[in-house]
Amino acid sequence: MNKIAILSDSGCQIELGKYENQGIFIVPLCITMKEKTYLDQKDITSIEVFRTMEKENIMVMTSQPPTGEMVNILQRIKDAGYDEVIGLPIATGLSSTLNGMKVAADMVDIPITLIDTKGTAGNHKYLTFTAAKLVQSGKSVQEIQKIMESLVEDSGTIIMAPNLEHLKKGGRITPAVAMLAGMLKIVPVMELNYELGGKIDSLAKVRTLSKARATLVNRMIELGVNAKDYKITIEHVLCVDSALEVKQMVLDKIGEVEIELRELPSVVGAHMGVGGIGVQYIKKYQG
């Protein structure tokens, strides 16, 4: 039986190096601020990025992991006796990391099966840990790929970002959403468009933050999210009180669902800006 490793990037919020003994390897994405580039989690934390954005009102750019970092980690995987890799990168609509993983795997000469997570953060984290458990249960790469793709299709991300300038300049939103950036007194609510590989697209335009928060929750209900079958993650950029309001709305309207609340990964929050909130849902694997 082939020995299989899981490779994800730091957008999944799993600590670098912590789970390598369980076959989970994380490569850091890049963050550029004030003309200096940092490796996510390794050189700088999400909170440090967000505090700098808040204090200095600067634009932060992000990019895929350096090829050298990906080659190094894949070589470590190969040297550890793994025969093949399942790659679970951040959404192709948000980053070119998937292509970078393929290039690096070819350089190291190790087979890699790439799966577009079409998301990041909480859903990405869930997919990574679930894939590792499936490896441990003896599933083949093909079986795991099929399960992962099914879970991705039963997942989604809905966001609100009071300031669209970060998303606009970073090229992470569709032209339709970018047009909203110049509109006054509008709080856009967006979601990741899976037909565009997880690129951020328009969902609704409301007048107040409270209506935007309600829209996040109502959209999940509209899509059939329920307390029994789904896991929900609420993530934010330095606005924990607002995120807690969303959490209470979820509990009131959906029930006692499995729910996690935390800050966004820096590579996502950097584009949403301070005050941004993301709500994610994913159907749990029942085995």
Protein backbone atom coordinates (compact mmCIF):
# COMPACT_ATOMS: atom_id res chain seq x y z
CA MET A 1 0.00 0.00 0.00
CA ASN A 2 1.34 3.42 -0.95
CA LYS A 3 2.27 5.83 1.82
CA ILE A 4 0.31 9.06 1.24
CA ALA A 5 1.06 12.57 2.53
CA ILE A 6 -1.31 15.53 2.66
CA LEU A 7 0.05 18.91 1.52
CA SER A 8 -1.86 22.12 2.27
CA ASP A 9 -0.88 25.76 2.52
CA SER A 10 -1.09 28.15 5.47
CA GLY A 11 -4.49 29.42 4.32
CA CYS A 12 -5.92 26.40 6.16
CA GLN A 13 -4.71 27.85 9.51
CA ILE A 14 -3.00 24.64 10.58
CA GLU A 15 0.23 25.32 12.43
CA LEU A 16 3.38 24.79 10.39
CA GLY A 17 5.12 21.49 11.22
CA LYS A 18 2.76 20.50 14.02
CA TYR A 19 1.13 17.50 12.35
CA GLU A 20 3.89 16.21 10.11
CA ASN A 21 4.06 13.05 12.22
CA GLN A 22 0.47 12.46 11.08
CA GLY A 23 1.31 13.01 7.43
CA ILE A 24 0.05 16.61 7.21
CA PHE A 25 2.49 19.12 5.73
CA ILE A 26 1.82 22.87 5.51
CA VAL A 27 3.68 25.27 3.22
CA PRO A 28 3.53 29.00 4.05
CA LEU A 29 1.95 31.51 1.70
CA CYS A 30 3.59 34.92 1.22
CA ILE A 31 2.54 38.29 2.66
CA THR A 32 4.02 41.56 1.41
CA MET A 33 3.78 44.74 3.50
CA LYS A 34 5.75 47.94 3.12
CA GLU A 35 7.93 46.39 0.41
CA LYS A 36 8.95 43.47 2.62
CA THR A 37 7.80 39.88 2.07
CA TYR A 38 7.09 37.49 4.94
CA LEU A 39 6.27 33.79 5.09
CA ASP A 40 2.83 33.38 6.66
CA GLN A 41 2.93 31.88 10.20
CA LYS A 42 6.71 31.50 9.97
CA ASP A 43 7.77 35.17 9.89
CA ILE A 44 4.54 36.91 10.90
CA THR A 45 1.14 36.13 12.46
CA SER A 46 -2.34 37.08 11.31
CA ILE A 47 -2.82 39.41 14.26
CA GLU A 48 0.45 41.21 13.50
CA VAL A 49 -0.67 41.74 9.90
CA PHE A 50 -4.10 43.01 10.91
CA ARG A 51 -2.76 45.33 13.63
CA THR A 52 -0.36 46.86 11.13
CA MET A 53 -3.19 47.35 8.63
CA GLU A 54 -5.33 48.99 11.30
CA LYS A 55 -2.58 51.25 12.63
CA GLU A 56 -0.98 52.34 9.38
CA ASN A 57 -3.87 51.98 6.90
CA ILE A 58 -1.69 50.19 4.36
CA MET A 59 -2.42 47.76 1.55
CA VAL A 60 -1.15 44.22 2.06
CA MET A 61 -0.49 41.88 -0.84
CA THR A 62 -0.34 38.08 -0.78
CA SER A 63 1.04 35.43 -3.12
CA GLN A 64 1.61 31.71 -3.43
CA PRO A 65 4.43 30.00 -1.53
CA PRO A 66 7.89 30.44 -3.07
CA THR A 67 8.82 27.56 -5.35
CA GLY A 68 11.83 26.85 -3.14
CA GLU A 69 9.63 26.40 -0.08
CA MET A 70 7.36 23.97 -1.92
CA VAL A 71 10.30 22.03 -3.35
CA ASN A 72 11.86 21.77 0.12
CA ILE A 73 8.72 20.47 1.77
CA LEU A 74 7.99 18.00 -1.03
CA GLN A 75 11.58 16.74 -0.85
CA ARG A 76 11.11 16.22 2.91
CA ILE A 77 7.95 14.28 2.17
CA LYS A 78 9.76 12.10 -0.35
CA ASP A 79 12.75 11.59 1.97
CA ALA A 80 10.35 10.52 4.75
CA GLY A 81 9.28 7.57 2.59
CA TYR A 82 6.00 8.85 1.18
CA ASP A 83 5.09 7.49 -2.25
CA GLU A 84 2.57 10.13 -3.29
CA VAL A 85 0.89 13.33 -2.19
CA ILE A 86 -2.62 14.75 -2.07
CA GLY A 87 -2.42 18.52 -2.56
CA LEU A 88 -5.17 20.65 -1.02
CA PRO A 89 -4.32 24.28 -1.87
CA ILE A 90 -6.28 27.47 -1.26
CA ALA A 91 -8.97 28.15 -3.90
CA THR A 92 -7.67 28.58 -7.44
CA GLY A 93 -9.87 31.68 -7.70
CA LEU A 94 -7.83 33.29 -4.92
CA SER A 95 -4.31 32.02 -5.61
CA SER A 96 -2.14 30.14 -8.11
CA THR A 97 -0.84 27.82 -5.38
CA LEU A 98 -2.33 24.72 -7.05
CA ASN A 99 -0.18 25.26 -10.14
CA GLY A 100 2.82 25.97 -7.93
CA MET A 101 2.38 22.64 -6.15
CA LYS A 102 2.30 20.82 -9.50
CA VAL A 103 5.51 22.50 -10.68
CA ALA A 104 7.30 21.70 -7.41
CA ALA A 105 6.12 18.08 -7.39
CA ASP A 106 7.43 17.63 -10.93
CA MET A 107 10.79 19.05 -9.83
CA VAL A 108 10.98 16.62 -6.90
CA ASP A 109 9.58 13.77 -9.01
CA ILE A 110 6.83 12.69 -6.64
CA PRO A 111 3.26 11.97 -7.80
CA ILE A 112 0.70 14.53 -6.61
CA THR A 113 -3.09 14.54 -6.90
CA LEU A 114 -4.37 18.12 -6.72
CA ILE A 115 -7.83 19.01 -5.46
CA ASP A 116 -9.20 22.56 -5.67
CA THR A 117 -10.64 23.31 -2.23
CA LYS A 118 -12.48 26.30 -3.74
CA GLY A 119 -12.06 27.95 -0.37
CA THR A 120 -9.69 28.56 2.49
CA ALA A 121 -9.67 29.03 6.28
CA GLY A 122 -12.09 26.84 8.26
CA ASN A 123 -13.34 24.73 5.34
CA HIS A 124 -9.78 24.25 4.10
CA LYS A 125 -8.73 23.14 7.58
CA TYR A 126 -11.59 20.64 7.80
CA LEU A 127 -10.74 19.16 4.39
CA THR A 128 -7.08 18.78 5.34
CA PHE A 129 -7.73 16.96 8.60
CA THR A 130 -10.45 14.80 7.01
CA ALA A 131 -8.13 13.79 4.17
CA ALA A 132 -5.48 12.75 6.70
CA LYS A 133 -8.02 10.63 8.61
CA LEU A 134 -9.05 8.97 5.36
CA VAL A 135 -5.42 8.11 4.64
CA GLN A 136 -5.13 6.58 8.12
CA SER A 137 -8.29 4.54 7.49
CA GLY A 138 -6.68 2.97 4.42
CA LYS A 139 -8.49 4.83 1.65
CA SER A 140 -6.74 5.11 -1.72
CA VAL A 141 -5.85 8.43 -3.33
CA GLN A 142 -8.70 7.99 -5.80
CA GLU A 143 -11.21 7.30 -3.03
CA ILE A 144 -10.02 10.31 -1.04
CA GLN A 145 -10.15 12.56 -4.08
CA LYS A 146 -13.77 11.58 -4.72
CA ILE A 147 -14.74 12.24 -1.09
CA MET A 148 -12.89 15.57 -1.00
CA GLU A 149 -14.55 16.79 -4.19
CA SER A 150 -17.96 15.83 -2.80
CA LEU A 151 -17.30 17.73 0.45
CA VAL A 152 -16.13 20.79 -1.51
CA GLU A 153 -19.39 20.84 -3.46
CA ASP A 154 -21.31 20.75 -0.17
CA SER A 155 -19.46 23.75 1.23
CA GLY A 156 -19.43 27.51 0.80
CA THR A 157 -18.10 30.83 1.98
CA ILE A 158 -20.10 34.04 2.44
CA ILE A 159 -18.38 37.28 3.38
CA MET A 160 -19.00 40.92 4.19
CA ALA A 161 -16.26 43.51 3.78
CA PRO A 162 -17.10 47.12 4.70
CA ASN A 163 -14.18 48.35 2.58
CA LEU A 164 -13.72 46.76 -0.86
CA GLU A 165 -10.51 48.58 -1.75
CA HIS A 166 -8.30 45.75 -0.50
CA LEU A 167 -10.19 43.14 -2.50
CA LYS A 168 -10.34 45.36 -5.57
CA LYS A 169 -6.63 46.18 -5.67
CA GLY A 170 -5.71 42.59 -4.93
CA GLY A 171 -7.76 41.33 -7.88
CA ARG A 172 -9.68 38.85 -5.71
CA ILE A 173 -13.16 39.99 -6.71
CA THR A 174 -15.10 39.86 -9.97
CA PRO A 175 -15.64 43.07 -11.99
CA ALA A 176 -19.28 43.15 -10.84
CA VAL A 177 -18.23 43.35 -7.23
CA ALA A 178 -15.42 45.79 -7.97
CA MET A 179 -17.99 48.26 -9.29
CA LEU A 180 -19.54 48.37 -5.82
CA ALA A 181 -16.34 49.78 -4.36
CA GLY A 182 -17.25 53.28 -5.42
CA MET A 183 -20.85 53.17 -4.22
CA LEU A 184 -21.77 55.01 -1.04
CA LYS A 185 -23.73 53.66 1.92
CA ILE A 186 -23.64 50.09 0.63
CA VAL A 187 -22.39 47.08 2.55
CA PRO A 188 -21.84 44.33 -0.03
CA VAL A 189 -22.30 40.70 0.93
CA MET A 190 -20.36 38.31 -1.30
CA GLU A 191 -19.75 34.62 -1.70
CA LEU A 192 -17.12 32.45 -3.31
CA ASN A 193 -18.27 31.49 -6.80
CA TYR A 194 -17.35 27.84 -7.35
CA GLU A 195 -17.80 28.09 -11.12
CA LEU A 196 -14.94 30.62 -11.00
CA GLY A 197 -12.74 28.43 -8.80
CA GLY A 198 -13.69 30.26 -5.61
CA LYS A 199 -13.34 33.84 -6.85
CA ILE A 200 -15.37 36.32 -4.81
CA ASP A 201 -18.65 37.36 -6.45
CA SER A 202 -21.60 39.55 -5.51
CA LEU A 203 -24.53 38.18 -3.51
CA ALA A 204 -26.42 41.13 -2.01
CA LYS A 205 -26.16 44.86 -1.35
CA VAL A 206 -27.58 46.11 1.94
CA ARG A 207 -27.53 49.45 3.76
CA THR A 208 -26.36 48.51 7.25
CA LEU A 209 -23.89 46.20 8.95
CA SER A 210 -26.69 44.54 10.91
CA LYS A 211 -28.50 43.65 7.68
CA ALA A 212 -25.25 42.37 6.22
CA ARG A 213 -24.75 40.09 9.22
CA ALA A 214 -28.30 38.79 8.89
CA THR A 215 -27.75 38.14 5.18
CA LEU A 216 -24.76 35.93 5.97
CA VAL A 217 -26.92 33.67 8.13
CA ASN A 218 -30.04 33.77 5.95
CA ARG A 219 -28.01 32.70 2.92
CA MET A 220 -26.87 29.54 4.73
CA ILE A 221 -30.45 28.71 5.68
CA GLU A 222 -31.52 29.28 2.07
CA LEU A 223 -28.86 26.77 0.96
CA GLY A 224 -30.08 24.10 3.38
CA VAL A 225 -27.41 24.32 6.06
CA ASN A 226 -28.61 22.57 9.22
CA ALA A 227 -27.30 21.78 12.68
CA LYS A 228 -27.13 18.01 12.17
CA ASP A 229 -25.09 17.72 8.99
CA TYR A 230 -22.87 20.80 8.82
CA LYS A 231 -19.93 22.46 10.50
CA ILE A 232 -19.80 26.28 10.51
CA THR A 233 -16.83 28.58 10.94
CA ILE A 234 -17.12 32.33 11.60
CA GLU A 235 -13.91 34.29 11.04
CA HIS A 236 -13.12 37.97 11.25
CA VAL A 237 -10.56 40.76 10.95
CA LEU A 238 -10.32 42.54 14.32
CA CYS A 239 -14.09 42.67 14.90
CA VAL A 240 -14.81 39.92 17.39
CA ASP A 241 -17.95 41.59 18.78
CA SER A 242 -19.53 41.71 15.34
CA ALA A 243 -18.52 38.09 14.74
CA LEU A 244 -20.11 37.08 18.04
CA GLU A 245 -23.37 38.69 16.89
CA VAL A 246 -23.24 36.54 13.77
CA LYS A 247 -22.58 33.47 15.92
CA GLN A 248 -25.64 34.20 18.05
CA MET A 249 -27.77 34.63 14.92
CA VAL A 250 -26.55 31.25 13.68
CA LEU A 251 -27.44 29.56 16.97
CA ASP A 252 -30.85 31.28 17.07
CA LYS A 253 -31.78 30.43 13.47
CA ILE A 254 -29.99 27.15 12.77
CA GLY A 255 -29.69 25.63 16.23
CA GLU A 256 -26.86 24.01 18.16
CA VAL A 257 -24.61 23.46 15.18
CA GLU A 258 -20.88 22.65 15.46
CA ILE A 259 -19.35 26.11 15.23
CA GLU A 260 -15.88 27.66 15.50
CA LEU A 261 -15.06 31.36 15.84
CA ARG A 262 -11.60 32.81 15.25
CA GLU A 263 -9.62 35.40 13.27
CA LEU A 264 -9.26 34.96 9.52
CA PRO A 265 -5.96 33.72 8.12
CA SER A 266 -3.79 36.71 7.25
CA VAL A 267 -3.70 35.79 3.56
CA VAL A 268 -7.48 36.26 3.40
CA GLY A 269 -8.03 38.98 5.99
CA ALA A 270 -5.39 41.13 4.29
CA HIS A 271 -7.73 41.48 1.32
CA MET A 272 -10.97 41.86 3.26
CA GLY A 273 -9.67 44.63 5.51
CA VAL A 274 -10.43 45.44 9.14
CA GLY A 275 -14.09 44.74 9.93
CA GLY A 276 -14.40 41.91 7.45
CA ILE A 277 -16.30 38.76 8.43
CA GLY A 278 -16.49 35.41 6.69
CA VAL A 279 -18.99 32.64 7.38
CA GLN A 280 -18.23 29.16 6.09
CA TYR A 281 -20.23 25.97 6.06
CA ILE A 282 -19.25 22.45 5.05
CA LYS A 283 -21.15 19.18 5.17
CA LYS A 284 -19.44 16.83 7.59
CA TYR A 285 -18.06 13.54 6.32
CA GLN A 286 -20.13 10.75 7.80
CA GLY A 287 -17.91 7.84 6.75
